[in-house]
Amino acid sequence: MRPTLTPTLPYYRLKDHLQSRFGARVQKVTLDAGLTCPNRDGRVGRGGCIYCNARGSGTGAAARGQSLSQQLAAGIAKLSARYQAQKFIAYFQSFSNTYAPLPKLRQLYDQVLAHPQVVGLSIGTRPDCLSPAIIELLASYNRTHLVWLELGLQSAHDRTLQMINRGHDAACFADAVRQAAAQGLEVLAHVILGLPQENGADMVATARFLAALPLAGVKIHLLYVIQGTPLADLYKCGAFQPLRQDEYVDILVAFLEVLPPHFVIHRLTGDPHPQELLAPTWCLDKAAVLRQIKETFLRRQTFQGRLWPPDLPAS
């Protein structure tokens, strides 16, 4: 059962959702299948999104020669020792994990789901990398496993999507969500707070856009600057400044206030690789950021969904 949200329990945590669903600690194992992205290979564009480096926001394990089975075994061993978890979700994170021929995708997904401790599949991809056949394949796994389709949106504003070289518009995302949800898939939206040229009102408008869609959850990222990206070039020449910690927390709380209370919140900030990070350095202290988020909810006496649905007056 979903917990009742209050200022002391201000958002629907993934940890709580998985505990109620499986009755045990469940952890995601991050995987790199060695795929690529249509925004890098020329089908949609070149160079990728301005914040994404050559590893595709992933681990780079495939480029280092680690097989999928090796990654899965190592991840399970590590998470078992750290969290005493016994059940796992195989998370295809790097690049676009529906961007391959259907037989190849089936082989990848079947391989990890054959592991007896894997209870779920989470597929990170783009809304323009789906087809009815791929959606049908993912939906077929619903009979035996949890399946999450993690779709990158980043912003609901087309001007922003064009500026960050995203390669699709917000309507493409909304169409993909509706098609996948109609086949029974649980769809998560990835969004980024702090994108260039967006203010707090713009970011809250993205939350309202998401609230109107048949989503199951949201993963929220802070825009941080990493080496080897076009965003790093903008930062170095002074054309971009990341959000301060207090700005990020204020916007995040306002963002969650307008999301439906049944949306599972899969992430509240980012996890950059320290050796790649240029700015902001405050995001490396994740515990402090999460603590400030909780304190802000409590101080404002608010919680996720307080201003949802949007036609309700603010109290």
C-alpha atoms as a PDB file:
ATOM      1  CA  MET A   1       0.000   0.000   0.000  1.00  0.00           C
ATOM      2  CA  ARG A   2       1.141   3.527  -0.762  1.00  0.00           C
ATOM      3  CA  PRO A   3       1.937   5.437   2.443  1.00  0.00           C
ATOM      4  CA  THR A   4      -0.005   8.572   3.318  1.00  0.00           C
ATOM      5  CA  LEU A   5       2.191  11.538   2.408  1.00  0.00           C
ATOM      6  CA  THR A   6       2.841  14.218   5.003  1.00  0.00           C
ATOM      7  CA  PRO A   7       5.553  16.839   5.638  1.00  0.00           C
ATOM      8  CA  THR A   8       7.441  14.177   7.628  1.00  0.00           C
ATOM      9  CA  LEU A   9       6.994  11.586   4.843  1.00  0.00           C
ATOM     10  CA  PRO A  10       6.842  14.083   1.975  1.00  0.00           C
ATOM     11  CA  TYR A  11       7.226  11.968  -1.147  1.00  0.00           C
ATOM     12  CA  TYR A  12       6.521   8.437  -2.365  1.00  0.00           C
ATOM     13  CA  ARG A  13       9.942   6.829  -2.061  1.00  0.00           C
ATOM     14  CA  LEU A  14      11.074   4.048  -4.335  1.00  0.00           C
ATOM     15  CA  LYS A  15      12.339   2.142  -1.299  1.00  0.00           C
ATOM     16  CA  ASP A  16       8.857   2.116   0.242  1.00  0.00           C
ATOM     17  CA  HIS A  17       7.241   1.125  -3.028  1.00  0.00           C
ATOM     18  CA  LEU A  18       9.526  -1.861  -3.562  1.00  0.00           C
ATOM     19  CA  GLN A  19       9.230  -2.989   0.054  1.00  0.00           C
ATOM     20  CA  SER A  20       5.438  -3.040  -0.159  1.00  0.00           C
ATOM     21  CA  ARG A  21       5.526  -4.750  -3.547  1.00  0.00           C
ATOM     22  CA  PHE A  22       8.051  -7.491  -2.815  1.00  0.00           C
ATOM     23  CA  GLY A  23       8.179  -7.644   0.974  1.00  0.00           C
ATOM     24  CA  ALA A  24      11.971  -7.464   0.880  1.00  0.00           C
ATOM     25  CA  ARG A  25      14.892  -5.204   0.053  1.00  0.00           C
ATOM     26  CA  VAL A  26      15.211  -4.895  -3.749  1.00  0.00           C
ATOM     27  CA  GLN A  27      18.161  -3.207  -5.501  1.00  0.00           C
ATOM     28  CA  LYS A  28      18.801  -2.163  -9.082  1.00  0.00           C
ATOM     29  CA  VAL A  29      21.880  -3.570 -10.826  1.00  0.00           C
ATOM     30  CA  THR A  30      23.189  -1.127 -13.420  1.00  0.00           C
ATOM     31  CA  LEU A  31      24.060  -2.704 -16.762  1.00  0.00           C
ATOM     32  CA  ASP A  32      25.742  -1.558 -19.975  1.00  0.00           C
ATOM     33  CA  ALA A  33      24.646  -3.587 -23.004  1.00  0.00           C
ATOM     34  CA  GLY A  34      27.059  -1.894 -25.402  1.00  0.00           C
ATOM     35  CA  LEU A  35      24.315  -0.157 -27.389  1.00  0.00           C
ATOM     36  CA  THR A  36      24.391   3.380 -28.734  1.00  0.00           C
ATOM     37  CA  CYS A  37      21.986   6.257 -29.357  1.00  0.00           C
ATOM     38  CA  PRO A  38      20.341   7.684 -32.515  1.00  0.00           C
ATOM     39  CA  ASN A  39      21.468  11.107 -31.324  1.00  0.00           C
ATOM     40  CA  ARG A  40      25.079   9.952 -31.666  1.00  0.00           C
ATOM     41  CA  ASP A  41      25.218   7.654 -34.683  1.00  0.00           C
ATOM     42  CA  GLY A  42      23.609  10.099 -37.100  1.00  0.00           C
ATOM     43  CA  ARG A  43      20.080   8.751 -37.376  1.00  0.00           C
ATOM     44  CA  VAL A  44      18.790  11.696 -35.351  1.00  0.00           C
ATOM     45  CA  GLY A  45      21.919  13.708 -34.674  1.00  0.00           C
ATOM     46  CA  ARG A  46      25.578  13.707 -33.755  1.00  0.00           C
ATOM     47  CA  GLY A  47      27.347  14.285 -30.464  1.00  0.00           C
ATOM     48  CA  GLY A  48      24.432  13.451 -28.190  1.00  0.00           C
ATOM     49  CA  CYS A  49      22.729  15.750 -25.710  1.00  0.00           C
ATOM     50  CA  ILE A  50      24.939  18.598 -24.496  1.00  0.00           C
ATOM     51  CA  TYR A  51      25.300  17.130 -20.978  1.00  0.00           C
ATOM     52  CA  CYS A  52      26.101  13.546 -22.043  1.00  0.00           C
ATOM     53  CA  ASN A  53      29.640  12.235 -22.442  1.00  0.00           C
ATOM     54  CA  ALA A  54      31.017   9.277 -24.383  1.00  0.00           C
ATOM     55  CA  ARG A  55      29.840   6.804 -21.726  1.00  0.00           C
ATOM     56  CA  GLY A  56      26.195   7.683 -22.342  1.00  0.00           C
ATOM     57  CA  SER A  57      25.489   8.489 -18.681  1.00  0.00           C
ATOM     58  CA  GLY A  58      26.409   4.928 -17.794  1.00  0.00           C
ATOM     59  CA  THR A  59      29.246   2.855 -16.412  1.00  0.00           C
ATOM     60  CA  GLY A  60      31.256   2.226 -19.568  1.00  0.00           C
ATOM     61  CA  ALA A  61      31.468  -1.455 -18.612  1.00  0.00           C
ATOM     62  CA  ALA A  62      30.842  -2.743 -22.136  1.00  0.00           C
ATOM     63  CA  ALA A  63      33.687  -0.651 -23.539  1.00  0.00           C
ATOM     64  CA  ARG A  64      35.962  -2.169 -20.886  1.00  0.00           C
ATOM     65  CA  GLY A  65      35.101  -5.655 -22.142  1.00  0.00           C
ATOM     66  CA  GLN A  66      32.777  -6.736 -19.334  1.00  0.00           C
ATOM     67  CA  SER A  67      30.035  -9.059 -20.524  1.00  0.00           C
ATOM     68  CA  LEU A  68      26.448  -8.620 -19.424  1.00  0.00           C
ATOM     69  CA  SER A  69      26.618 -11.746 -17.269  1.00  0.00           C
ATOM     70  CA  GLN A  70      29.807 -10.513 -15.607  1.00  0.00           C
ATOM     71  CA  GLN A  71      28.234  -7.127 -14.855  1.00  0.00           C
ATOM     72  CA  LEU A  72      25.127  -8.756 -13.412  1.00  0.00           C
ATOM     73  CA  ALA A  73      27.076 -11.166 -11.206  1.00  0.00           C
ATOM     74  CA  ALA A  74      29.375  -8.424  -9.917  1.00  0.00           C
ATOM     75  CA  GLY A  75      26.476  -6.085  -9.230  1.00  0.00           C
ATOM     76  CA  ILE A  76      24.488  -8.699  -7.347  1.00  0.00           C
ATOM     77  CA  ALA A  77      27.517  -9.647  -5.246  1.00  0.00           C
ATOM     78  CA  LYS A  78      28.242  -6.024  -4.363  1.00  0.00           C
ATOM     79  CA  LEU A  79      24.655  -5.080  -3.523  1.00  0.00           C
ATOM     80  CA  SER A  80      24.079  -8.293  -1.576  1.00  0.00           C
ATOM     81  CA  ALA A  81      27.046  -7.507   0.638  1.00  0.00           C
ATOM     82  CA  ARG A  82      26.180  -3.842   1.078  1.00  0.00           C
ATOM     83  CA  TYR A  83      22.413  -4.020   1.554  1.00  0.00           C
ATOM     84  CA  GLN A  84      21.745  -7.715   2.256  1.00  0.00           C
ATOM     85  CA  ALA A  85      19.410  -7.613  -0.751  1.00  0.00           C
ATOM     86  CA  GLN A  86      18.200 -10.893  -2.198  1.00  0.00           C
ATOM     87  CA  LYS A  87      16.108  -9.612  -5.095  1.00  0.00           C
ATOM     88  CA  PHE A  88      17.284  -7.413  -7.950  1.00  0.00           C
ATOM     89  CA  ILE A  89      16.092  -5.363 -10.898  1.00  0.00           C
ATOM     90  CA  ALA A  90      18.280  -5.489 -13.998  1.00  0.00           C
ATOM     91  CA  TYR A  91      18.679  -1.854 -15.096  1.00  0.00           C
ATOM     92  CA  PHE A  92      19.836  -1.248 -18.666  1.00  0.00           C
ATOM     93  CA  GLN A  93      21.135   2.304 -18.190  1.00  0.00           C
ATOM     94  CA  SER A  94      23.775   3.305 -20.728  1.00  0.00           C
ATOM     95  CA  PHE A  95      22.612   4.994 -23.935  1.00  0.00           C
ATOM     96  CA  SER A  96      19.290   3.877 -25.531  1.00  0.00           C
ATOM     97  CA  ASN A  97      18.381   0.322 -24.598  1.00  0.00           C
ATOM     98  CA  THR A  98      15.651  -0.254 -27.144  1.00  0.00           C
ATOM     99  CA  TYR A  99      17.873   0.917 -30.014  1.00  0.00           C
ATOM    100  CA  ALA A 100      18.720  -2.423 -31.608  1.00  0.00           C
ATOM    101  CA  PRO A 101      16.979  -5.090 -33.730  1.00  0.00           C
ATOM    102  CA  LEU A 102      14.199  -6.898 -31.915  1.00  0.00           C
ATOM    103  CA  PRO A 103      16.003 -10.291 -31.777  1.00  0.00           C
ATOM    104  CA  LYS A 104      19.033  -8.617 -30.186  1.00  0.00           C
ATOM    105  CA  LEU A 105      16.868  -6.916 -27.566  1.00  0.00           C
ATOM    106  CA  ARG A 106      15.050 -10.146 -26.771  1.00  0.00           C
ATOM    107  CA  GLN A 107      18.377 -11.930 -26.270  1.00  0.00           C
ATOM    108  CA  LEU A 108      19.634  -9.204 -23.912  1.00  0.00           C
ATOM    109  CA  TYR A 109      16.480  -9.097 -21.807  1.00  0.00           C
ATOM    110  CA  ASP A 110      16.043 -12.879 -21.685  1.00  0.00           C
ATOM    111  CA  GLN A 111      19.632 -13.314 -20.555  1.00  0.00           C
ATOM    112  CA  VAL A 112      19.286 -11.224 -17.410  1.00  0.00           C
ATOM    113  CA  LEU A 113      15.759 -12.356 -16.567  1.00  0.00           C
ATOM    114  CA  ALA A 114      16.981 -15.954 -16.507  1.00  0.00           C
ATOM    115  CA  HIS A 115      18.881 -15.176 -13.299  1.00  0.00           C
ATOM    116  CA  PRO A 116      16.852 -16.545 -10.359  1.00  0.00           C
ATOM    117  CA  GLN A 117      17.376 -13.440  -8.200  1.00  0.00           C
ATOM    118  CA  VAL A 118      16.276 -10.959 -10.870  1.00  0.00           C
ATOM    119  CA  VAL A 119      12.643 -10.005 -10.277  1.00  0.00           C
ATOM    120  CA  GLY A 120      12.423  -7.064 -12.635  1.00  0.00           C
ATOM    121  CA  LEU A 121      13.627  -5.312 -15.740  1.00  0.00           C
ATOM    122  CA  SER A 122      14.184  -1.574 -16.100  1.00  0.00           C
ATOM    123  CA  ILE A 123      14.913  -0.207 -19.567  1.00  0.00           C
ATOM    124  CA  GLY A 124      16.365   3.265 -20.035  1.00  0.00           C
ATOM    125  CA  THR A 125      15.703   4.655 -23.505  1.00  0.00           C
ATOM    126  CA  ARG A 126      14.361   7.507 -25.617  1.00  0.00           C
ATOM    127  CA  PRO A 127      10.748   7.983 -26.744  1.00  0.00           C
ATOM    128  CA  ASP A 128      11.843   7.937 -30.399  1.00  0.00           C
ATOM    129  CA  CYS A 129      13.435   4.481 -29.963  1.00  0.00           C
ATOM    130  CA  LEU A 130      10.207   2.560 -29.478  1.00  0.00           C
ATOM    131  CA  SER A 131       8.013   0.623 -31.875  1.00  0.00           C
ATOM    132  CA  PRO A 132       4.819  -1.375 -31.361  1.00  0.00           C
ATOM    133  CA  ALA A 133       6.890  -4.569 -31.565  1.00  0.00           C
ATOM    134  CA  ILE A 134       9.324  -3.420 -28.869  1.00  0.00           C
ATOM    135  CA  ILE A 135       6.479  -2.313 -26.609  1.00  0.00           C
ATOM    136  CA  GLU A 136       4.812  -5.688 -27.130  1.00  0.00           C
ATOM    137  CA  LEU A 137       8.052  -7.490 -26.244  1.00  0.00           C
ATOM    138  CA  LEU A 138       8.463  -5.525 -23.016  1.00  0.00           C
ATOM    139  CA  ALA A 139       4.811  -6.028 -22.117  1.00  0.00           C
ATOM    140  CA  SER A 140       5.216  -9.788 -22.529  1.00  0.00           C
ATOM    141  CA  TYR A 141       7.645  -9.832 -19.589  1.00  0.00           C
ATOM    142  CA  ASN A 142       4.957  -8.301 -17.373  1.00  0.00           C
ATOM    143  CA  ARG A 143       3.466 -11.744 -16.881  1.00  0.00           C
ATOM    144  CA  THR A 144       6.396 -12.908 -14.769  1.00  0.00           C
ATOM    145  CA  HIS A 145       8.439  -9.840 -13.791  1.00  0.00           C
ATOM    146  CA  LEU A 146       8.190  -6.200 -12.878  1.00  0.00           C
ATOM    147  CA  VAL A 147       8.942  -4.094 -15.974  1.00  0.00           C
ATOM    148  CA  TRP A 148       9.789  -0.397 -15.958  1.00  0.00           C
ATOM    149  CA  LEU A 149      10.208   1.615 -19.141  1.00  0.00           C
ATOM    150  CA  GLU A 150      12.371   4.631 -18.293  1.00  0.00           C
ATOM    151  CA  LEU A 151      11.878   7.334 -20.918  1.00  0.00           C
ATOM    152  CA  GLY A 152      14.025  10.442 -21.103  1.00  0.00           C
ATOM    153  CA  LEU A 153      12.137  13.713 -21.456  1.00  0.00           C
ATOM    154  CA  GLN A 154      14.363  16.167 -19.512  1.00  0.00           C
ATOM    155  CA  SER A 155      12.054  19.149 -20.201  1.00  0.00           C
ATOM    156  CA  ALA A 156       8.519  19.694 -21.460  1.00  0.00           C
ATOM    157  CA  HIS A 157       9.639  22.792 -23.374  1.00  0.00           C
ATOM    158  CA  ASP A 158      10.524  22.244 -27.011  1.00  0.00           C
ATOM    159  CA  ARG A 159      12.786  25.283 -27.065  1.00  0.00           C
ATOM    160  CA  THR A 160      14.873  23.659 -24.335  1.00  0.00           C
ATOM    161  CA  LEU A 161      14.899  20.273 -26.040  1.00  0.00           C
ATOM    162  CA  GLN A 162      16.177  21.893 -29.211  1.00  0.00           C
ATOM    163  CA  MET A 163      18.834  23.854 -27.348  1.00  0.00           C
ATOM    164  CA  ILE A 164      20.208  20.775 -25.560  1.00  0.00           C
ATOM    165  CA  ASN A 165      20.270  18.820 -28.840  1.00  0.00           C
ATOM    166  CA  ARG A 166      17.756  16.292 -27.591  1.00  0.00           C
ATOM    167  CA  GLY A 167      16.503  15.288 -31.030  1.00  0.00           C
ATOM    168  CA  HIS A 168      12.794  14.880 -30.222  1.00  0.00           C
ATOM    169  CA  ASP A 169       9.985  17.062 -28.932  1.00  0.00           C
ATOM    170  CA  ALA A 170       7.651  16.825 -25.953  1.00  0.00           C
ATOM    171  CA  ALA A 171       4.793  15.496 -28.101  1.00  0.00           C
ATOM    172  CA  CYS A 172       6.954  12.510 -29.100  1.00  0.00           C
ATOM    173  CA  PHE A 173       7.466  11.730 -25.408  1.00  0.00           C
ATOM    174  CA  ALA A 174       3.761  12.040 -24.572  1.00  0.00           C
ATOM    175  CA  ASP A 175       2.784   9.758 -27.464  1.00  0.00           C
ATOM    176  CA  ALA A 176       5.307   7.110 -26.381  1.00  0.00           C
ATOM    177  CA  VAL A 177       4.054   7.201 -22.784  1.00  0.00           C
ATOM    178  CA  ARG A 178       0.446   6.731 -23.850  1.00  0.00           C
ATOM    179  CA  GLN A 179       1.274   3.863 -26.221  1.00  0.00           C
ATOM    180  CA  ALA A 180       3.362   2.025 -23.621  1.00  0.00           C
ATOM    181  CA  ALA A 181       0.900   2.575 -20.791  1.00  0.00           C
ATOM    182  CA  ALA A 182      -1.920   1.296 -22.992  1.00  0.00           C
ATOM    183  CA  GLN A 183      -0.045  -2.022 -23.195  1.00  0.00           C
ATOM    184  CA  GLY A 184       0.221  -2.231 -19.408  1.00  0.00           C
ATOM    185  CA  LEU A 185       3.799  -0.992 -19.011  1.00  0.00           C
ATOM    186  CA  GLU A 186       4.855   1.095 -16.034  1.00  0.00           C
ATOM    187  CA  VAL A 187       6.524   4.156 -17.523  1.00  0.00           C
ATOM    188  CA  LEU A 188       8.965   6.434 -15.690  1.00  0.00           C
ATOM    189  CA  ALA A 189       9.914   9.901 -16.866  1.00  0.00           C
ATOM    190  CA  HIS A 190      13.456  11.221 -16.578  1.00  0.00           C
ATOM    191  CA  VAL A 191      13.664  14.984 -16.106  1.00  0.00           C
ATOM    192  CA  ILE A 192      16.522  17.389 -15.437  1.00  0.00           C
ATOM    193  CA  LEU A 193      16.277  20.484 -13.245  1.00  0.00           C
ATOM    194  CA  GLY A 194      18.589  23.391 -14.000  1.00  0.00           C
ATOM    195  CA  LEU A 195      18.738  23.196 -17.785  1.00  0.00           C
ATOM    196  CA  PRO A 196      20.083  26.336 -19.500  1.00  0.00           C
ATOM    197  CA  GLN A 197      17.621  29.182 -19.973  1.00  0.00           C
ATOM    198  CA  GLU A 198      14.956  27.622 -17.748  1.00  0.00           C
ATOM    199  CA  ASN A 199      13.661  29.228 -14.553  1.00  0.00           C
ATOM    200  CA  GLY A 200      11.755  27.698 -11.681  1.00  0.00           C
ATOM    201  CA  ALA A 201       8.371  28.320 -13.292  1.00  0.00           C
ATOM    202  CA  ASP A 202       9.520  26.513 -16.439  1.00  0.00           C
ATOM    203  CA  MET A 203      10.564  23.483 -14.410  1.00  0.00           C
ATOM    204  CA  VAL A 204       7.305  23.347 -12.469  1.00  0.00           C
ATOM    205  CA  ALA A 205       5.477  23.538 -15.812  1.00  0.00           C
ATOM    206  CA  THR A 206       7.327  20.346 -16.788  1.00  0.00           C
ATOM    207  CA  ALA A 207       5.941  18.722 -13.625  1.00  0.00           C
ATOM    208  CA  ARG A 208       2.417  19.727 -14.626  1.00  0.00           C
ATOM    209  CA  PHE A 209       3.016  18.257 -18.084  1.00  0.00           C
ATOM    210  CA  LEU A 210       4.032  14.955 -16.486  1.00  0.00           C
ATOM    211  CA  ALA A 211       1.102  14.993 -14.069  1.00  0.00           C
ATOM    212  CA  ALA A 212      -1.322  14.832 -16.996  1.00  0.00           C
ATOM    213  CA  LEU A 213       0.238  11.645 -18.421  1.00  0.00           C
ATOM    214  CA  PRO A 214      -0.307   7.964 -17.468  1.00  0.00           C
ATOM    215  CA  LEU A 215       3.075   7.636 -15.765  1.00  0.00           C
ATOM    216  CA  ALA A 216       4.013   5.398 -12.861  1.00  0.00           C
ATOM    217  CA  GLY A 217       6.949   7.421 -11.599  1.00  0.00           C
ATOM    218  CA  VAL A 218       9.572  10.088 -12.109  1.00  0.00           C
ATOM    219  CA  LYS A 219      13.341  10.177 -11.848  1.00  0.00           C
ATOM    220  CA  ILE A 220      14.640  13.695 -11.204  1.00  0.00           C
ATOM    221  CA  HIS A 221      18.203  14.701 -11.998  1.00  0.00           C
ATOM    222  CA  LEU A 222      20.248  17.761 -11.196  1.00  0.00           C
ATOM    223  CA  LEU A 223      22.038  19.189 -14.241  1.00  0.00           C
ATOM    224  CA  TYR A 224      25.708  18.891 -13.393  1.00  0.00           C
ATOM    225  CA  VAL A 225      28.646  19.561 -15.670  1.00  0.00           C
ATOM    226  CA  ILE A 226      30.991  16.735 -16.586  1.00  0.00           C
ATOM    227  CA  GLN A 227      34.186  16.741 -18.575  1.00  0.00           C
ATOM    228  CA  GLY A 228      34.113  16.092 -22.288  1.00  0.00           C
ATOM    229  CA  THR A 229      30.653  17.508 -23.009  1.00  0.00           C
ATOM    230  CA  PRO A 230      29.380  20.564 -24.894  1.00  0.00           C
ATOM    231  CA  LEU A 231      27.907  21.732 -21.587  1.00  0.00           C
ATOM    232  CA  ALA A 232      31.411  21.758 -20.131  1.00  0.00           C
ATOM    233  CA  ASP A 233      32.476  24.145 -22.904  1.00  0.00           C
ATOM    234  CA  LEU A 234      29.570  26.453 -22.070  1.00  0.00           C
ATOM    235  CA  TYR A 235      30.463  26.353 -18.400  1.00  0.00           C
ATOM    236  CA  LYS A 236      34.145  27.090 -18.985  1.00  0.00           C
ATOM    237  CA  CYS A 237      33.376  30.179 -21.064  1.00  0.00           C
ATOM    238  CA  GLY A 238      30.831  31.468 -18.537  1.00  0.00           C
ATOM    239  CA  ALA A 239      27.743  30.851 -20.686  1.00  0.00           C
ATOM    240  CA  PHE A 240      26.194  28.452 -18.173  1.00  0.00           C
ATOM    241  CA  GLN A 241      26.038  28.333 -14.391  1.00  0.00           C
ATOM    242  CA  PRO A 242      24.517  25.370 -12.529  1.00  0.00           C
ATOM    243  CA  LEU A 243      21.938  25.836  -9.806  1.00  0.00           C
ATOM    244  CA  ARG A 244      23.038  26.511  -6.247  1.00  0.00           C
ATOM    245  CA  GLN A 245      22.004  23.895  -3.716  1.00  0.00           C
ATOM    246  CA  ASP A 246      19.318  26.089  -2.158  1.00  0.00           C
ATOM    247  CA  GLU A 247      17.907  26.918  -5.597  1.00  0.00           C
ATOM    248  CA  TYR A 248      17.759  23.273  -6.564  1.00  0.00           C
ATOM    249  CA  VAL A 249      16.027  22.238  -3.353  1.00  0.00           C
ATOM    250  CA  ASP A 250      13.422  25.019  -3.603  1.00  0.00           C
ATOM    251  CA  ILE A 251      12.576  24.120  -7.195  1.00  0.00           C
ATOM    252  CA  LEU A 252      12.498  20.399  -6.449  1.00  0.00           C
ATOM    253  CA  VAL A 253       9.991  20.832  -3.625  1.00  0.00           C
ATOM    254  CA  ALA A 254       7.754  22.981  -5.848  1.00  0.00           C
ATOM    255  CA  PHE A 255       8.110  20.358  -8.603  1.00  0.00           C
ATOM    256  CA  LEU A 256       6.953  17.533  -6.341  1.00  0.00           C
ATOM    257  CA  GLU A 257       4.029  19.522  -4.961  1.00  0.00           C
ATOM    258  CA  VAL A 258       2.236  19.365  -8.326  1.00  0.00           C
ATOM    259  CA  LEU A 259       2.947  15.700  -9.094  1.00  0.00           C
ATOM    260  CA  PRO A 260       0.235  13.130  -8.335  1.00  0.00           C
ATOM    261  CA  PRO A 261       0.811  11.359  -5.013  1.00  0.00           C
ATOM    262  CA  HIS A 262       0.805   7.930  -6.706  1.00  0.00           C
ATOM    263  CA  PHE A 263       3.902   8.731  -8.795  1.00  0.00           C
ATOM    264  CA  VAL A 264       6.847   6.811  -7.363  1.00  0.00           C
ATOM    265  CA  ILE A 265       9.881   9.097  -6.967  1.00  0.00           C
ATOM    266  CA  HIS A 266      12.853   7.078  -8.144  1.00  0.00           C
ATOM    267  CA  ARG A 267      15.492   9.765  -7.669  1.00  0.00           C
ATOM    268  CA  LEU A 268      15.755  13.263  -6.211  1.00  0.00           C
ATOM    269  CA  THR A 269      19.180  14.320  -7.448  1.00  0.00           C
ATOM    270  CA  GLY A 270      22.149  12.992  -9.411  1.00  0.00           C
ATOM    271  CA  ASP A 271      25.134  10.723  -8.798  1.00  0.00           C
ATOM    272  CA  PRO A 272      28.058  12.064 -10.840  1.00  0.00           C
ATOM    273  CA  HIS A 273      31.373  10.281 -11.094  1.00  0.00           C
ATOM    274  CA  PRO A 274      33.619  12.522  -8.926  1.00  0.00           C
ATOM    275  CA  GLN A 275      36.582  12.248 -11.284  1.00  0.00           C
ATOM    276  CA  GLU A 276      34.468  13.654 -14.160  1.00  0.00           C
ATOM    277  CA  LEU A 277      32.586  16.389 -12.323  1.00  0.00           C
ATOM    278  CA  LEU A 278      33.321  20.059 -13.031  1.00  0.00           C
ATOM    279  CA  ALA A 279      30.385  21.661 -11.202  1.00  0.00           C
ATOM    280  CA  PRO A 280      28.557  22.010  -8.901  1.00  0.00           C
ATOM    281  CA  THR A 281      30.672  20.337  -6.255  1.00  0.00           C
ATOM    282  CA  TRP A 282      27.892  20.496  -3.666  1.00  0.00           C
ATOM    283  CA  CYS A 283      26.084  17.614  -5.401  1.00  0.00           C
ATOM    284  CA  LEU A 284      28.797  15.193  -4.264  1.00  0.00           C
ATOM    285  CA  ASP A 285      27.413  15.377  -0.714  1.00  0.00           C
ATOM    286  CA  LYS A 286      24.188  13.581  -1.506  1.00  0.00           C
ATOM    287  CA  ALA A 287      23.287  13.004   2.135  1.00  0.00           C
ATOM    288  CA  ALA A 288      23.368  16.753   2.801  1.00  0.00           C
ATOM    289  CA  VAL A 289      21.183  17.446  -0.236  1.00  0.00           C
ATOM    290  CA  LEU A 290      18.589  14.868   0.796  1.00  0.00           C
ATOM    291  CA  ARG A 291      18.623  16.214   4.331  1.00  0.00           C
ATOM    292  CA  GLN A 292      17.950  19.756   3.089  1.00  0.00           C
ATOM    293  CA  ILE A 293      15.115  18.511   0.879  1.00  0.00           C
ATOM    294  CA  LYS A 294      13.401  16.845   3.848  1.00  0.00           C
ATOM    295  CA  GLU A 295      13.949  19.904   6.045  1.00  0.00           C
ATOM    296  CA  THR A 296      12.422  22.148   3.380  1.00  0.00           C
ATOM    297  CA  PHE A 297       9.323  19.976   3.067  1.00  0.00           C
ATOM    298  CA  LEU A 298       8.919  20.041   6.836  1.00  0.00           C
ATOM    299  CA  ARG A 299       9.486  23.788   7.145  1.00  0.00           C
ATOM    300  CA  ARG A 300       6.945  24.529   4.437  1.00  0.00           C
ATOM    301  CA  GLN A 301       4.497  21.927   5.778  1.00  0.00           C
ATOM    302  CA  THR A 302       4.069  20.514   2.291  1.00  0.00           C
ATOM    303  CA  PHE A 303       4.412  17.211   0.434  1.00  0.00           C
ATOM    304  CA  GLN A 304       4.174  15.575  -2.995  1.00  0.00           C
ATOM    305  CA  GLY A 305       0.742  16.112  -4.507  1.00  0.00           C
ATOM    306  CA  ARG A 306      -0.330  18.961  -2.213  1.00  0.00           C
ATOM    307  CA  LEU A 307      -1.169  21.095  -5.277  1.00  0.00           C
ATOM    308  CA  TRP A 308      -2.499  18.191  -7.361  1.00  0.00           C
ATOM    309  CA  PRO A 309      -4.828  18.137  -9.191  1.00  0.00           C
ATOM    310  CA  PRO A 310      -3.986  21.595 -10.521  1.00  0.00           C
ATOM    311  CA  ASP A 311      -7.544  22.969 -10.313  1.00  0.00           C
ATOM    312  CA  LEU A 312      -7.456  22.743  -6.505  1.00  0.00           C
ATOM    313  CA  PRO A 313      -6.690  26.050  -4.755  1.00  0.00           C
ATOM    314  CA  ALA A 314      -3.462  26.271  -2.766  1.00  0.00           C
ATOM    315  CA  SER A 315      -4.004  26.226   0.994  1.00  0.00           C
END
